[in-house]
Amino acid sequence: MLAVFDKTVPHVAGSLVDDFCSARKGAVAVNLGASGAIAYSSEKQNPLYRGPYPADQVVRDLRGKFAFILYDSLSKATFIAADADESVPFFWGTDSDGRLVLSDDSDTIKKGCGKSFAPFPKGCFFTTSGGLQSYEHPLNALKPMPRVDSQGQVCGSTFKVDESSKKESTSGMRKVDSAANWSGHY
């Protein structure tokens, strides 16, 4: 799998798509016009069912090995995720033009991004509207950690769950502690 999106989506990198397709029998490339391109093969397919549930719950409930990219061309929204065990190799980075590049093939992503790539964070998902989030710890923020290459040069970031930070719940039900004065409501 390979996806290259325009900066506004988070410009098509034709040579990367061509390289990916030529290395995989039966690979299919989809040109998304000015938004980018997606190439895929049946090598590592996984079915995905998405019900009316929050994204973190949908991904958390998936069992097995997976990494996927969903793209809605009408809303130009992306939904990207990888399993918590990193059992499917999955990488992301930026190319020299600042485009987001994702692939399960390390050689393809190295060619397109140089040192500016990292493994996609395990147990996480990315949406255009919500950014990068942990589905294992949905109420904790993620913090970037410097990624250092073998020569000691900082070449990007990896992301870790920040155990000390809590995000507001998005469930719609306001939580109050036991010290709250609730007796006046009844």
N, C-alpha and C. Protein backbone atom coordinates (compact mmCIF):
# COMPACT_ATOMS: atom_id res chain seq x y z
N MET A 1 0.84 -1.15 0.00
CA MET A 1 0.00 0.00 0.00
C MET A 1 0.89 1.22 0.00
N LEU A 2 0.48 2.25 -0.71
CA LEU A 2 1.21 3.51 -0.78
C LEU A 2 0.20 4.62 -0.99
N ALA A 3 0.33 5.71 -0.27
CA ALA A 3 -0.52 6.88 -0.47
C ALA A 3 0.35 8.12 -0.43
N VAL A 4 0.12 9.03 -1.35
CA VAL A 4 0.82 10.31 -1.39
C VAL A 4 -0.24 11.37 -1.55
N PHE A 5 -0.35 12.28 -0.56
CA PHE A 5 -1.40 13.29 -0.57
C PHE A 5 -0.81 14.68 -0.72
N ASP A 6 -1.58 15.55 -1.32
CA ASP A 6 -1.22 16.95 -1.43
C ASP A 6 -1.11 17.56 -0.03
N LYS A 7 -0.34 18.61 0.11
CA LYS A 7 -0.16 19.28 1.41
C LYS A 7 -1.49 19.68 2.02
N THR A 8 -2.47 20.07 1.20
CA THR A 8 -3.75 20.50 1.74
C THR A 8 -4.58 19.34 2.25
N VAL A 9 -4.29 18.14 1.83
CA VAL A 9 -5.02 16.98 2.33
C VAL A 9 -4.30 16.45 3.56
N PRO A 10 -3.25 16.47 3.98
CA PRO A 10 -2.20 16.35 5.00
C PRO A 10 -1.15 15.85 4.36
N HIS A 11 -0.59 16.61 -5.00
CA HIS A 11 0.39 16.60 -5.97
C HIS A 11 0.88 15.19 -6.13
N VAL A 12 0.77 14.71 -6.78
CA VAL A 12 1.04 13.31 -7.10
C VAL A 12 2.52 13.09 -7.28
N ALA A 13 3.08 12.13 -6.61
CA ALA A 13 4.47 11.73 -6.75
C ALA A 13 4.50 10.52 -7.67
N GLY A 14 4.42 10.76 -8.95
CA GLY A 14 4.27 9.70 -9.94
C GLY A 14 5.32 8.63 -9.89
N SER A 15 6.59 8.99 -9.70
CA SER A 15 7.64 7.98 -9.71
C SER A 15 7.51 7.02 -8.54
N LEU A 16 7.08 7.47 -7.37
CA LEU A 16 6.87 6.58 -6.23
C LEU A 16 5.75 5.59 -6.51
N VAL A 17 4.66 6.09 -7.08
CA VAL A 17 3.53 5.22 -7.40
C VAL A 17 3.94 4.19 -8.45
N ASP A 18 4.68 4.64 -9.48
CA ASP A 18 5.15 3.72 -10.52
C ASP A 18 6.09 2.65 -9.94
N ASP A 19 7.01 3.05 -9.06
CA ASP A 19 7.93 2.10 -8.43
C ASP A 19 7.16 1.07 -7.60
N PHE A 20 6.18 1.53 -6.84
CA PHE A 20 5.39 0.64 -6.00
C PHE A 20 4.67 -0.39 -6.87
N CYS A 21 4.01 0.07 -7.94
CA CYS A 21 3.24 -0.82 -8.81
C CYS A 21 4.13 -1.81 -9.56
N SER A 22 5.29 -1.35 -9.99
CA SER A 22 6.17 -2.26 -10.74
C SER A 22 6.76 -3.36 -9.85
N ALA A 23 6.81 -3.13 -8.55
CA ALA A 23 7.38 -4.11 -7.62
C ALA A 23 6.34 -5.13 -7.13
N ARG A 24 5.06 -4.93 -7.46
CA ARG A 24 4.00 -5.81 -6.97
C ARG A 24 3.10 -6.25 -8.11
N LYS A 25 2.99 -7.55 -8.29
CA LYS A 25 2.14 -8.11 -9.33
C LYS A 25 0.68 -7.75 -9.05
N GLY A 26 0.01 -7.21 -10.04
CA GLY A 26 -1.41 -6.89 -9.91
C GLY A 26 -1.72 -5.62 -9.14
N ALA A 27 -0.71 -4.82 -8.83
CA ALA A 27 -0.96 -3.58 -8.09
C ALA A 27 -1.79 -2.61 -8.93
N VAL A 28 -2.60 -1.83 -8.26
CA VAL A 28 -3.48 -0.87 -8.91
C VAL A 28 -3.14 0.53 -8.40
N ALA A 29 -3.06 1.47 -9.33
CA ALA A 29 -2.82 2.87 -8.96
C ALA A 29 -4.08 3.66 -9.25
N VAL A 30 -4.45 4.53 -8.32
CA VAL A 30 -5.61 5.39 -8.49
C VAL A 30 -5.13 6.82 -8.40
N ASN A 31 -5.31 7.57 -9.50
CA ASN A 31 -4.93 8.97 -9.52
C ASN A 31 -6.09 9.78 -8.94
N LEU A 32 -5.82 10.54 -7.90
CA LEU A 32 -6.86 11.34 -7.24
C LEU A 32 -6.82 12.79 -7.70
N GLY A 33 -6.30 13.00 -8.90
CA GLY A 33 -6.22 14.34 -9.45
C GLY A 33 -5.26 15.19 -8.65
N ALA A 34 -5.64 16.42 -8.37
CA ALA A 34 -4.79 17.33 -7.62
C ALA A 34 -4.61 16.91 -6.17
N SER A 35 -5.45 15.98 -5.67
CA SER A 35 -5.35 15.56 -4.27
C SER A 35 -4.24 14.56 -4.02
N GLY A 36 -3.80 13.82 -5.02
CA GLY A 36 -2.73 12.85 -4.81
C GLY A 36 -2.97 11.56 -5.57
N ALA A 37 -2.46 10.46 -5.02
CA ALA A 37 -2.60 9.15 -5.64
C ALA A 37 -2.54 8.08 -4.57
N ILE A 38 -3.20 6.96 -4.84
CA ILE A 38 -3.13 5.79 -3.96
C ILE A 38 -2.81 4.59 -4.84
N ALA A 39 -1.92 3.74 -4.37
CA ALA A 39 -1.63 2.48 -5.05
C ALA A 39 -1.82 1.37 -4.04
N TYR A 40 -2.39 0.25 -4.50
CA TYR A 40 -2.58 -0.86 -3.58
C TYR A 40 -2.44 -2.18 -4.33
N SER A 41 -2.20 -3.22 -3.56
CA SER A 41 -2.15 -4.57 -4.11
C SER A 41 -2.90 -5.48 -3.16
N SER A 42 -3.21 -6.68 -3.61
CA SER A 42 -3.93 -7.63 -2.76
C SER A 42 -2.99 -8.39 -1.84
N GLU A 43 -1.71 -8.02 -1.85
CA GLU A 43 -0.72 -8.69 -1.01
C GLU A 43 -1.11 -8.74 0.46
N LYS A 44 -1.58 -7.65 0.99
CA LYS A 44 -1.82 -7.56 2.44
C LYS A 44 -3.19 -6.97 2.72
N GLN A 45 -4.22 -7.46 2.03
CA GLN A 45 -5.56 -6.90 2.20
C GLN A 45 -6.19 -7.34 3.51
N ASN A 46 -6.97 -6.44 4.07
CA ASN A 46 -7.78 -6.74 5.26
C ASN A 46 -9.13 -6.08 5.08
N PRO A 47 -10.22 -6.82 5.30
CA PRO A 47 -11.53 -6.19 5.20
C PRO A 47 -11.76 -5.28 6.40
N LEU A 48 -12.54 -4.23 6.18
CA LEU A 48 -12.84 -3.29 7.26
C LEU A 48 -14.31 -2.95 7.24
N TYR A 49 -14.95 -3.14 8.37
CA TYR A 49 -16.34 -2.73 8.53
C TYR A 49 -16.36 -1.55 9.49
N ARG A 50 -17.03 -0.47 9.10
CA ARG A 50 -17.09 0.72 9.96
C ARG A 50 -18.54 1.00 10.28
N GLY A 51 -18.91 0.84 11.52
CA GLY A 51 -20.27 1.15 11.98
C GLY A 51 -20.34 2.57 12.49
N PRO A 52 -21.46 2.94 13.07
CA PRO A 52 -21.63 4.32 13.59
C PRO A 52 -20.99 4.48 14.97
N TYR A 53 -19.71 4.24 15.08
CA TYR A 53 -18.99 4.32 16.34
C TYR A 53 -17.83 5.28 16.22
N PRO A 54 -17.35 5.81 17.34
CA PRO A 54 -16.16 6.68 17.29
C PRO A 54 -14.98 5.93 16.68
N ALA A 55 -14.14 6.67 15.97
CA ALA A 55 -13.00 6.05 15.27
C ALA A 55 -12.12 5.25 16.22
N ASP A 56 -11.84 5.77 17.42
CA ASP A 56 -10.95 5.03 18.32
C ASP A 56 -11.57 3.69 18.72
N GLN A 57 -12.89 3.62 18.87
CA GLN A 57 -13.54 2.36 19.23
C GLN A 57 -13.51 1.37 18.08
N VAL A 58 -13.74 1.86 16.86
CA VAL A 58 -13.71 0.97 15.69
C VAL A 58 -12.35 0.31 15.55
N VAL A 59 -11.30 1.10 15.63
CA VAL A 59 -9.95 0.55 15.45
C VAL A 59 -9.57 -0.33 16.64
N ARG A 60 -9.93 0.07 17.84
CA ARG A 60 -9.60 -0.72 19.03
C ARG A 60 -10.24 -2.10 18.97
N ASP A 61 -11.44 -2.20 18.35
CA ASP A 61 -12.16 -3.47 18.28
C ASP A 61 -11.68 -4.39 17.16
N LEU A 62 -10.83 -3.90 16.27
CA LEU A 62 -10.30 -4.76 15.21
C LEU A 62 -9.34 -5.78 15.81
N ARG A 63 -9.40 -6.99 15.33
CA ARG A 63 -8.50 -8.04 15.79
C ARG A 63 -7.63 -8.48 14.62
N GLY A 64 -6.38 -8.78 14.90
CA GLY A 64 -5.49 -9.25 13.86
C GLY A 64 -4.46 -8.22 13.47
N LYS A 65 -3.79 -8.52 12.38
CA LYS A 65 -2.73 -7.66 11.85
C LYS A 65 -3.33 -6.74 10.81
N PHE A 66 -3.06 -5.43 10.95
CA PHE A 66 -3.62 -4.51 9.97
C PHE A 66 -2.86 -3.20 9.92
N ALA A 67 -2.94 -2.57 8.79
CA ALA A 67 -2.56 -1.19 8.54
C ALA A 67 -3.38 -0.80 7.33
N PHE A 68 -4.02 0.36 7.38
CA PHE A 68 -4.86 0.74 6.26
C PHE A 68 -4.93 2.24 6.11
N ILE A 69 -5.34 2.65 4.90
CA ILE A 69 -5.57 4.05 4.55
C ILE A 69 -6.93 4.12 3.88
N LEU A 70 -7.84 4.90 4.44
CA LEU A 70 -9.12 5.15 3.81
C LEU A 70 -9.14 6.62 3.40
N TYR A 71 -9.65 6.90 2.21
CA TYR A 71 -9.70 8.27 1.71
C TYR A 71 -11.07 8.53 1.12
N ASP A 72 -11.72 9.57 1.56
CA ASP A 72 -13.01 9.99 1.03
C ASP A 72 -12.76 11.15 0.08
N SER A 73 -12.92 10.91 -1.22
CA SER A 73 -12.60 11.94 -2.20
C SER A 73 -13.59 13.11 -2.18
N LEU A 74 -14.81 12.91 -1.68
CA LEU A 74 -15.76 14.01 -1.62
C LEU A 74 -15.38 15.02 -0.54
N SER A 75 -15.04 14.53 0.64
CA SER A 75 -14.69 15.43 1.73
C SER A 75 -13.18 15.64 1.86
N LYS A 76 -12.41 14.89 1.07
CA LYS A 76 -10.94 14.91 1.13
C LYS A 76 -10.45 14.58 2.54
N ALA A 77 -11.14 13.65 3.17
CA ALA A 77 -10.80 13.23 4.52
C ALA A 77 -10.05 11.90 4.47
N THR A 78 -9.10 11.75 5.37
CA THR A 78 -8.34 10.51 5.48
C THR A 78 -8.58 9.86 6.83
N PHE A 79 -8.48 8.54 6.85
CA PHE A 79 -8.54 7.76 8.08
C PHE A 79 -7.46 6.70 7.93
N ILE A 80 -6.44 6.78 8.75
CA ILE A 80 -5.25 5.93 8.63
C ILE A 80 -5.01 5.26 9.97
N ALA A 81 -4.71 3.97 9.97
CA ALA A 81 -4.46 3.29 11.25
C ALA A 81 -3.54 2.10 11.06
N ALA A 82 -2.92 1.69 12.16
CA ALA A 82 -2.07 0.50 12.19
C ALA A 82 -2.30 -0.21 13.52
N ASP A 83 -2.06 -1.52 13.52
CA ASP A 83 -2.31 -2.31 14.72
C ASP A 83 -1.34 -1.95 15.86
N ALA A 84 -1.69 -2.38 17.03
CA ALA A 84 -0.93 -2.03 18.24
C ALA A 84 0.37 -2.81 18.37
N ASP A 85 0.50 -3.91 17.64
CA ASP A 85 1.70 -4.75 17.74
C ASP A 85 2.75 -4.45 16.69
N GLU A 86 2.47 -3.52 15.79
CA GLU A 86 3.35 -3.21 14.67
C GLU A 86 3.67 -4.47 13.85
N SER A 87 2.69 -5.37 13.75
CA SER A 87 2.92 -6.61 13.01
C SER A 87 2.89 -6.42 11.50
N VAL A 88 2.29 -5.33 11.04
CA VAL A 88 2.33 -4.98 9.63
C VAL A 88 3.25 -3.77 9.50
N PRO A 89 4.33 -3.89 8.75
CA PRO A 89 5.21 -2.72 8.60
C PRO A 89 4.43 -1.58 7.95
N PHE A 90 4.52 -0.40 8.54
CA PHE A 90 3.77 0.75 8.04
C PHE A 90 4.54 2.00 8.41
N PHE A 91 4.84 2.83 7.42
CA PHE A 91 5.70 4.00 7.62
C PHE A 91 5.01 5.25 7.10
N TRP A 92 5.40 6.38 7.67
CA TRP A 92 4.93 7.66 7.16
C TRP A 92 6.06 8.67 7.23
N GLY A 93 5.97 9.67 6.36
CA GLY A 93 7.00 10.70 6.33
C GLY A 93 6.58 11.81 5.39
N THR A 94 7.49 12.74 5.18
CA THR A 94 7.23 13.82 4.24
C THR A 94 8.32 13.82 3.18
N ASP A 95 7.91 14.08 1.94
CA ASP A 95 8.90 14.14 0.86
C ASP A 95 9.47 15.56 0.78
N SER A 96 10.34 15.80 -0.18
CA SER A 96 11.02 17.09 -0.27
C SER A 96 10.06 18.25 -0.58
N ASP A 97 8.86 17.94 -1.08
CA ASP A 97 7.86 18.98 -1.35
C ASP A 97 6.87 19.14 -0.21
N GLY A 98 7.09 18.46 0.91
CA GLY A 98 6.21 18.58 2.07
C GLY A 98 4.95 17.74 2.01
N ARG A 99 4.87 16.79 1.07
CA ARG A 99 3.69 15.94 0.96
C ARG A 99 3.78 14.78 1.95
N LEU A 100 2.64 14.39 2.48
CA LEU A 100 2.55 13.25 3.37
C LEU A 100 2.65 11.98 2.55
N VAL A 101 3.56 11.08 2.92
CA VAL A 101 3.76 9.81 2.21
C VAL A 101 3.59 8.69 3.21
N LEU A 102 2.80 7.66 2.86
CA LEU A 102 2.57 6.50 3.71
C LEU A 102 2.80 5.25 2.88
N SER A 103 3.43 4.23 3.48
CA SER A 103 3.64 2.99 2.76
C SER A 103 3.96 1.86 3.72
N ASP A 104 3.68 0.64 3.28
CA ASP A 104 4.11 -0.53 4.05
C ASP A 104 5.46 -1.05 3.54
N ASP A 105 6.03 -0.36 2.57
CA ASP A 105 7.31 -0.75 1.99
C ASP A 105 8.39 0.26 2.37
N SER A 106 9.34 -0.16 3.20
CA SER A 106 10.36 0.76 3.70
C SER A 106 11.24 1.30 2.58
N ASP A 107 11.54 0.49 1.55
CA ASP A 107 12.38 0.98 0.45
C ASP A 107 11.69 2.10 -0.32
N THR A 108 10.38 1.97 -0.53
CA THR A 108 9.63 3.02 -1.23
C THR A 108 9.65 4.31 -0.43
N ILE A 109 9.41 4.22 0.86
CA ILE A 109 9.34 5.43 1.66
C ILE A 109 10.71 6.06 1.85
N LYS A 110 11.77 5.25 1.95
CA LYS A 110 13.13 5.79 2.04
C LYS A 110 13.48 6.56 0.77
N LYS A 111 13.08 5.99 -0.37
CA LYS A 111 13.35 6.65 -1.65
C LYS A 111 12.62 7.98 -1.76
N GLY A 112 11.40 8.03 -1.27
CA GLY A 112 10.60 9.24 -1.39
C GLY A 112 10.85 10.28 -0.31
N CYS A 113 11.26 9.84 0.87
CA CYS A 113 11.36 10.76 2.01
C CYS A 113 12.77 10.92 2.56
N GLY A 114 13.73 10.14 2.08
CA GLY A 114 15.08 10.22 2.65
C GLY A 114 15.03 9.81 4.11
N LYS A 115 15.57 10.64 4.98
CA LYS A 115 15.55 10.33 6.42
C LYS A 115 14.29 10.84 7.11
N SER A 116 13.46 11.55 6.38
CA SER A 116 12.28 12.17 6.99
C SER A 116 11.09 11.22 7.02
N PHE A 117 11.27 10.05 7.65
CA PHE A 117 10.16 9.11 7.80
C PHE A 117 10.36 8.35 9.11
N ALA A 118 9.30 7.71 9.54
CA ALA A 118 9.34 6.92 10.77
C ALA A 118 8.26 5.85 10.69
N PRO A 119 8.36 4.83 11.52
CA PRO A 119 7.25 3.89 11.59
C PRO A 119 5.99 4.62 12.05
N PHE A 120 4.85 4.26 11.47
CA PHE A 120 3.59 4.84 11.93
C PHE A 120 3.42 4.42 13.39
N PRO A 121 3.02 5.33 14.26
CA PRO A 121 2.95 5.00 15.70
C PRO A 121 2.01 3.83 15.99
N LYS A 122 2.50 2.85 16.72
CA LYS A 122 1.69 1.67 17.02
C LYS A 122 0.52 2.05 17.92
N GLY A 123 -0.61 1.41 17.67
CA GLY A 123 -1.80 1.67 18.46
C GLY A 123 -2.42 3.03 18.21
N CYS A 124 -2.13 3.62 17.06
CA CYS A 124 -2.62 4.96 16.76
C CYS A 124 -3.40 4.99 15.45
N PHE A 125 -4.16 6.06 15.29
CA PHE A 125 -4.84 6.32 14.02
C PHE A 125 -4.74 7.81 13.74
N PHE A 126 -4.90 8.17 12.46
CA PHE A 126 -4.84 9.56 12.03
C PHE A 126 -6.09 9.86 11.24
N THR A 127 -6.74 10.96 11.57
CA THR A 127 -7.86 11.45 10.76
C THR A 127 -7.57 12.89 10.38
N THR A 128 -8.08 13.31 9.24
CA THR A 128 -7.88 14.68 8.80
C THR A 128 -8.45 15.66 9.82
N SER A 129 -9.57 15.33 10.39
CA SER A 129 -10.23 16.25 11.33
C SER A 129 -9.63 16.22 12.73
N GLY A 130 -9.10 15.08 13.15
CA GLY A 130 -8.63 14.97 14.54
C GLY A 130 -7.14 14.81 14.71
N GLY A 131 -6.41 14.65 13.61
CA GLY A 131 -4.97 14.46 13.72
C GLY A 131 -4.62 13.08 14.24
N LEU A 132 -3.44 12.95 14.81
CA LEU A 132 -2.94 11.68 15.31
C LEU A 132 -3.46 11.45 16.73
N GLN A 133 -4.01 10.25 16.95
CA GLN A 133 -4.56 9.89 18.25
C GLN A 133 -4.25 8.44 18.56
N SER A 134 -4.21 8.12 19.84
CA SER A 134 -4.04 6.74 20.28
C SER A 134 -5.42 6.12 20.45
N TYR A 135 -5.65 4.93 19.86
CA TYR A 135 -6.92 4.26 20.11
C TYR A 135 -6.83 3.38 21.34
N GLU A 136 -5.64 3.08 21.78
CA GLU A 136 -5.49 2.31 23.02
C GLU A 136 -5.67 3.19 24.25
N HIS A 137 -5.28 4.45 24.13
CA HIS A 137 -5.39 5.42 25.22
C HIS A 137 -6.03 6.70 24.67
N PRO A 138 -7.33 6.66 24.32
CA PRO A 138 -7.95 7.79 23.63
C PRO A 138 -8.03 9.08 24.44
N LEU A 139 -7.92 9.00 25.75
CA LEU A 139 -8.00 10.22 26.57
C LEU A 139 -6.63 10.81 26.87
N ASN A 140 -5.56 10.17 26.40
CA ASN A 140 -4.22 10.71 26.59
C ASN A 140 -3.73 11.37 25.31
N ALA A 141 -2.99 12.46 25.48
CA ALA A 141 -2.39 13.14 24.33
C ALA A 141 -1.14 12.36 23.89
N LEU A 142 -0.73 12.60 22.68
CA LEU A 142 0.52 12.03 22.17
C LEU A 142 1.57 13.13 22.16
N LYS A 143 2.80 12.77 22.50
CA LYS A 143 3.85 13.78 22.44
C LYS A 143 4.95 13.31 21.50
N PRO A 144 5.47 14.24 20.70
CA PRO A 144 6.54 13.88 19.76
C PRO A 144 7.86 13.68 20.51
N MET A 145 8.57 12.67 20.09
CA MET A 145 9.90 12.38 20.63
C MET A 145 10.88 12.43 19.47
N PRO A 146 12.05 13.05 19.65
CA PRO A 146 13.02 13.14 18.54
C PRO A 146 13.42 11.74 18.06
N ARG A 147 13.46 11.58 16.74
CA ARG A 147 13.94 10.34 16.13
C ARG A 147 15.37 10.60 15.69
N VAL A 148 16.31 9.79 16.17
CA VAL A 148 17.73 9.99 15.90
C VAL A 148 18.23 8.85 15.02
N ASP A 149 18.97 9.19 13.95
CA ASP A 149 19.49 8.15 13.06
C ASP A 149 20.77 7.54 13.64
N SER A 150 21.36 6.60 12.92
CA SER A 150 22.54 5.89 13.40
C SER A 150 23.77 6.78 13.55
N GLN A 151 23.75 7.97 12.95
CA GLN A 151 24.88 8.89 13.08
C GLN A 151 24.62 9.98 14.13
N GLY A 152 23.53 9.83 14.89
CA GLY A 152 23.21 10.78 15.94
C GLY A 152 22.49 12.03 15.48
N GLN A 153 22.02 12.06 14.24
CA GLN A 153 21.32 13.22 13.70
C GLN A 153 19.81 13.08 13.94
N VAL A 154 19.19 14.17 14.40
CA VAL A 154 17.74 14.18 14.55
C VAL A 154 17.13 14.21 13.15
N CYS A 155 16.24 13.27 12.86
CA CYS A 155 15.68 13.17 11.50
C CYS A 155 14.17 12.98 11.53
N GLY A 156 13.52 13.57 12.48
CA GLY A 156 12.07 13.45 12.54
C GLY A 156 11.60 13.17 13.94
N SER A 157 10.37 12.67 14.02
CA SER A 157 9.77 12.40 15.33
C SER A 157 9.08 11.06 15.34
N THR A 158 9.06 10.46 16.51
CA THR A 158 8.17 9.35 16.80
C THR A 158 7.20 9.88 17.84
N PHE A 159 6.11 9.19 18.08
CA PHE A 159 5.11 9.68 19.02
C PHE A 159 4.86 8.64 20.10
N LYS A 160 4.76 9.11 21.32
CA LYS A 160 4.49 8.26 22.48
C LYS A 160 3.28 8.80 23.22
N VAL A 161 2.55 7.91 23.87
CA VAL A 161 1.43 8.32 24.70
C VAL A 161 1.99 9.06 25.91
N ASP A 162 1.44 10.23 26.18
CA ASP A 162 1.84 11.02 27.34
C ASP A 162 0.92 10.62 28.50
N GLU A 163 1.44 9.76 29.37
CA GLU A 163 0.64 9.23 30.47
C GLU A 163 0.16 10.32 31.42
N SER A 164 0.88 11.44 31.48
CA SER A 164 0.53 12.48 32.45
C SER A 164 -0.51 13.47 31.93
N SER A 165 -0.84 13.41 30.65
CA SER A 165 -1.82 14.37 30.11
C SER A 165 -3.13 13.67 29.83
N LYS A 166 -4.20 14.36 30.08
CA LYS A 166 -5.53 13.84 29.81
C LYS A 166 -6.27 14.85 28.92
N LYS A 167 -6.96 14.32 27.90
CA LYS A 167 -7.78 15.16 27.05
C LYS A 167 -9.21 15.14 27.59
N GLU A 168 -9.98 16.13 27.22
CA GLU A 168 -11.39 16.16 27.59
C GLU A 168 -12.10 15.00 26.90
N SER A 169 -13.00 14.37 27.58
CA SER A 169 -13.81 13.31 27.00
C SER A 169 -14.70 13.91 25.93
N THR A 170 -14.88 13.18 24.84
CA THR A 170 -15.75 13.65 23.76
C THR A 170 -17.06 12.87 23.74
N SER A 171 -17.35 12.16 24.82
CA SER A 171 -18.54 11.31 24.83
C SER A 171 -19.84 12.09 24.92
N GLY A 172 -19.77 13.38 25.27
CA GLY A 172 -20.99 14.16 25.38
C GLY A 172 -21.55 14.17 26.80
N MET A 173 -21.18 13.21 27.62
CA MET A 173 -21.64 13.17 28.99
C MET A 173 -20.60 13.83 29.88
N ARG A 174 -20.99 14.92 30.51
CA ARG A 174 -20.05 15.64 31.36
C ARG A 174 -19.81 14.85 32.63
N LYS A 175 -18.55 14.66 32.99
CA LYS A 175 -18.21 13.93 34.20
C LYS A 175 -17.92 14.91 35.31
N VAL A 176 -18.41 14.59 36.49
CA VAL A 176 -18.14 15.42 37.66
C VAL A 176 -17.61 14.51 38.77
N ASP A 177 -16.79 15.08 39.62
CA ASP A 177 -16.26 14.26 40.71
C ASP A 177 -17.24 14.25 41.88
N SER A 178 -16.93 13.46 42.88
CA SER A 178 -17.85 13.31 43.99
C SER A 178 -17.98 14.58 44.83
N ALA A 179 -17.06 15.51 44.69
CA ALA A 179 -17.12 16.75 45.45
C ALA A 179 -18.06 17.78 44.81
N ALA A 180 -18.56 17.51 43.61
CA ALA A 180 -19.45 18.45 42.95
C ALA A 180 -20.79 18.52 43.67
N ASN A 181 -21.35 19.70 43.74
CA ASN A 181 -22.64 19.86 44.38
C ASN A 181 -23.73 19.59 43.38
N TRP A 182 -24.24 18.39 43.36
CA TRP A 182 -25.27 18.00 42.41
C TRP A 182 -26.65 17.97 43.03
N SER A 183 -26.75 18.15 44.34
CA SER A 183 -28.04 17.99 45.02
C SER A 183 -29.08 19.03 44.59
N GLY A 184 -28.65 20.20 44.15
CA GLY A 184 -29.58 21.24 43.74
C GLY A 184 -30.27 20.95 42.43
N HIS A 185 -29.85 19.91 41.71
CA HIS A 185 -30.44 19.60 40.42
C HIS A 185 -31.68 18.72 40.54
N TYR A 186 -32.00 18.23 41.75
CA TYR A 186 -33.12 17.29 41.91
C TYR A 186 -34.13 17.78 42.89
